[in-house]
Structure formats: C-alpha cells, structure tokens
Amino acid sequence: MIGDKLVDMEAGMAAGCRTILVRTGYGAEQESDVPAGVEVYDDLLAVARSLTTQPCDGV
C-alpha cells in the first residue's frame, strides 16, 4: 500500500500490506504520526526505484 495520509497507512497495515508513505501530497505533514514499520520515501519515483532494486522476498 502506498499513500500520503495516515489513513492510507492504517488501511494498508490492517490489510497486512507492506505499507509505504510518500512525502508528497500530505505525507510530509503526517510523517511524524505514522506507526512504526511504515517505510517512508520522498516520492513515487523513489518508491519505484527501491522496489526494482530490492530482492523479492516472496511476498
């Protein structure tokens, strides 16, 4: 789950998803409120780069 609001992070975690906050949009404002375990990236391009360079863990 990728989003820019706390509610997005809560939904992703509730669904058991890998959860990523982007600092664009509302993300920078809400970053300090996200739960532990949420990954944080500057923007969607940074997320895409990370996803394409990290080895797949089978999820």
N, C-alpha and C. Protein backbone atom coordinates (compact mmCIF):
# COMPACT_ATOMS: atom_id res chain seq x y z
N MET A 1 0.85 -1.17 0.00
CA MET A 1 0.00 0.00 0.00
C MET A 1 0.90 1.23 0.00
N ILE A 2 0.66 2.13 -0.91
CA ILE A 2 1.41 3.38 -0.98
C ILE A 2 0.41 4.51 -0.84
N GLY A 3 0.71 5.46 0.05
CA GLY A 3 -0.18 6.58 0.24
C GLY A 3 0.54 7.77 0.84
N ASP A 4 -0.23 8.85 1.01
CA ASP A 4 0.35 10.07 1.57
C ASP A 4 -0.38 10.56 2.82
N LYS A 5 -1.25 9.72 3.38
CA LYS A 5 -2.01 10.10 4.57
C LYS A 5 -1.96 8.98 5.60
N LEU A 6 -2.14 9.35 6.84
CA LEU A 6 -2.16 8.39 7.93
C LEU A 6 -3.24 7.33 7.71
N VAL A 7 -4.40 7.74 7.22
CA VAL A 7 -5.48 6.78 6.98
C VAL A 7 -5.07 5.73 5.95
N ASP A 8 -4.26 6.11 4.97
CA ASP A 8 -3.74 5.15 3.99
C ASP A 8 -2.85 4.12 4.68
N MET A 9 -2.01 4.60 5.60
CA MET A 9 -1.10 3.71 6.31
C MET A 9 -1.87 2.74 7.20
N GLU A 10 -2.88 3.24 7.86
CA GLU A 10 -3.71 2.39 8.72
C GLU A 10 -4.43 1.32 7.91
N ALA A 11 -4.94 1.70 6.74
CA ALA A 11 -5.63 0.74 5.88
C ALA A 11 -4.67 -0.34 5.39
N GLY A 12 -3.50 0.08 4.97
CA GLY A 12 -2.50 -0.89 4.49
C GLY A 12 -2.08 -1.86 5.57
N MET A 13 -1.84 -1.34 6.76
CA MET A 13 -1.43 -2.21 7.87
C MET A 13 -2.56 -3.16 8.27
N ALA A 14 -3.79 -2.66 8.28
CA ALA A 14 -4.93 -3.51 8.63
C ALA A 14 -5.12 -4.64 7.63
N ALA A 15 -4.76 -4.37 6.37
CA ALA A 15 -4.89 -5.39 5.33
C ALA A 15 -3.68 -6.31 5.26
N GLY A 16 -2.66 -6.04 6.08
CA GLY A 16 -1.48 -6.88 6.09
C GLY A 16 -0.51 -6.57 4.96
N CYS A 17 -0.61 -5.39 4.38
CA CYS A 17 0.23 -5.00 3.24
C CYS A 17 1.55 -4.39 3.71
N ARG A 18 2.54 -4.49 2.85
CA ARG A 18 3.73 -3.66 3.01
C ARG A 18 3.23 -2.23 2.83
N THR A 19 3.57 -1.35 3.74
CA THR A 19 2.97 -0.03 3.76
C THR A 19 4.03 1.05 3.61
N ILE A 20 3.80 1.95 2.65
CA ILE A 20 4.78 2.98 2.30
C ILE A 20 4.11 4.34 2.28
N LEU A 21 4.72 5.29 2.99
CA LEU A 21 4.28 6.68 2.97
C LEU A 21 5.18 7.46 2.02
N VAL A 22 4.58 8.25 1.14
CA VAL A 22 5.36 9.17 0.31
C VAL A 22 5.20 10.57 0.88
N ARG A 23 6.28 11.33 0.86
CA ARG A 23 6.27 12.66 1.46
C ARG A 23 5.57 13.70 0.59
N THR A 24 5.23 13.35 -0.63
CA THR A 24 4.50 14.28 -1.49
C THR A 24 3.05 14.35 -1.01
N GLY A 25 2.32 15.32 -1.49
CA GLY A 25 0.93 15.48 -1.03
C GLY A 25 0.91 15.84 0.44
N TYR A 26 0.17 15.06 1.24
CA TYR A 26 0.07 15.30 2.67
C TYR A 26 1.14 14.57 3.48
N GLY A 27 1.92 13.74 2.82
CA GLY A 27 2.87 12.87 3.52
C GLY A 27 3.85 13.56 4.43
N ALA A 28 4.44 14.65 3.99
CA ALA A 28 5.43 15.34 4.82
C ALA A 28 4.80 15.85 6.12
N GLU A 29 3.57 16.31 6.03
CA GLU A 29 2.85 16.81 7.21
C GLU A 29 2.54 15.69 8.19
N GLN A 30 2.28 14.50 7.68
CA GLN A 30 1.79 13.41 8.52
C GLN A 30 2.87 12.40 8.88
N GLU A 31 4.07 12.60 8.39
CA GLU A 31 5.14 11.63 8.61
C GLU A 31 5.39 11.33 10.09
N SER A 32 5.35 12.33 10.93
CA SER A 32 5.64 12.13 12.35
C SER A 32 4.56 11.30 13.06
N ASP A 33 3.41 11.13 12.44
CA ASP A 33 2.30 10.39 13.06
C ASP A 33 2.17 8.95 12.59
N VAL A 34 2.97 8.53 11.60
CA VAL A 34 2.79 7.18 11.07
C VAL A 34 3.35 6.15 12.05
N PRO A 35 2.72 4.99 12.12
CA PRO A 35 3.16 3.94 13.03
C PRO A 35 4.52 3.36 12.63
N ALA A 36 5.17 2.75 13.59
CA ALA A 36 6.44 2.05 13.32
C ALA A 36 6.21 0.98 12.27
N GLY A 37 7.20 0.75 11.47
CA GLY A 37 7.11 -0.28 10.43
C GLY A 37 6.71 0.25 9.07
N VAL A 38 6.26 1.49 9.01
CA VAL A 38 5.89 2.09 7.74
C VAL A 38 7.16 2.63 7.09
N GLU A 39 7.37 2.27 5.84
CA GLU A 39 8.52 2.79 5.09
C GLU A 39 8.17 4.18 4.58
N VAL A 40 9.16 5.06 4.51
CA VAL A 40 8.93 6.43 4.07
C VAL A 40 9.90 6.77 2.94
N TYR A 41 9.34 7.32 1.85
CA TYR A 41 10.14 7.74 0.69
C TYR A 41 9.72 9.14 0.29
N ASP A 42 10.61 9.83 -0.40
CA ASP A 42 10.33 11.21 -0.82
C ASP A 42 9.18 11.30 -1.82
N ASP A 43 9.11 10.36 -2.77
CA ASP A 43 8.09 10.42 -3.81
C ASP A 43 7.92 9.04 -4.45
N LEU A 44 6.99 8.95 -5.39
CA LEU A 44 6.72 7.66 -6.04
C LEU A 44 7.91 7.15 -6.85
N LEU A 45 8.67 8.04 -7.44
CA LEU A 45 9.86 7.61 -8.18
C LEU A 45 10.84 6.91 -7.25
N ALA A 46 11.05 7.44 -6.07
CA ALA A 46 11.94 6.81 -5.10
C ALA A 46 11.41 5.44 -4.69
N VAL A 47 10.10 5.31 -4.54
CA VAL A 47 9.50 4.01 -4.22
C VAL A 47 9.75 3.03 -5.35
N ALA A 48 9.49 3.46 -6.58
CA ALA A 48 9.69 2.57 -7.74
C ALA A 48 11.13 2.12 -7.84
N ARG A 49 12.05 3.03 -7.64
CA ARG A 49 13.48 2.66 -7.70
C ARG A 49 13.81 1.64 -6.62
N SER A 50 13.29 1.84 -5.44
CA SER A 50 13.55 0.91 -4.34
C SER A 50 12.96 -0.48 -4.65
N LEU A 51 11.73 -0.49 -5.14
CA LEU A 51 11.07 -1.77 -5.43
C LEU A 51 11.77 -2.54 -6.54
N THR A 52 12.38 -1.84 -7.48
CA THR A 52 13.03 -2.53 -8.59
C THR A 52 14.45 -2.93 -8.28
N THR A 53 15.02 -2.44 -7.18
CA THR A 53 16.40 -2.81 -6.84
C THR A 53 16.48 -3.75 -5.65
N GLN A 54 15.40 -3.91 -4.90
CA GLN A 54 15.41 -4.80 -3.75
C GLN A 54 15.07 -6.22 -4.19
N PRO A 55 15.74 -7.21 -3.62
CA PRO A 55 15.37 -8.59 -3.95
C PRO A 55 13.96 -8.91 -3.47
N CYS A 56 13.26 -9.73 -4.21
CA CYS A 56 11.90 -10.13 -3.86
C CYS A 56 11.96 -11.09 -2.67
N ASP A 57 11.11 -10.87 -1.69
CA ASP A 57 11.08 -11.76 -0.51
C ASP A 57 9.95 -12.78 -0.60
N GLY A 58 9.35 -12.91 -1.78
CA GLY A 58 8.30 -13.90 -1.96
C GLY A 58 6.92 -13.40 -1.59
N VAL A 59 6.80 -12.11 -1.28
CA VAL A 59 5.50 -11.56 -0.90
C VAL A 59 4.87 -10.90 -2.09
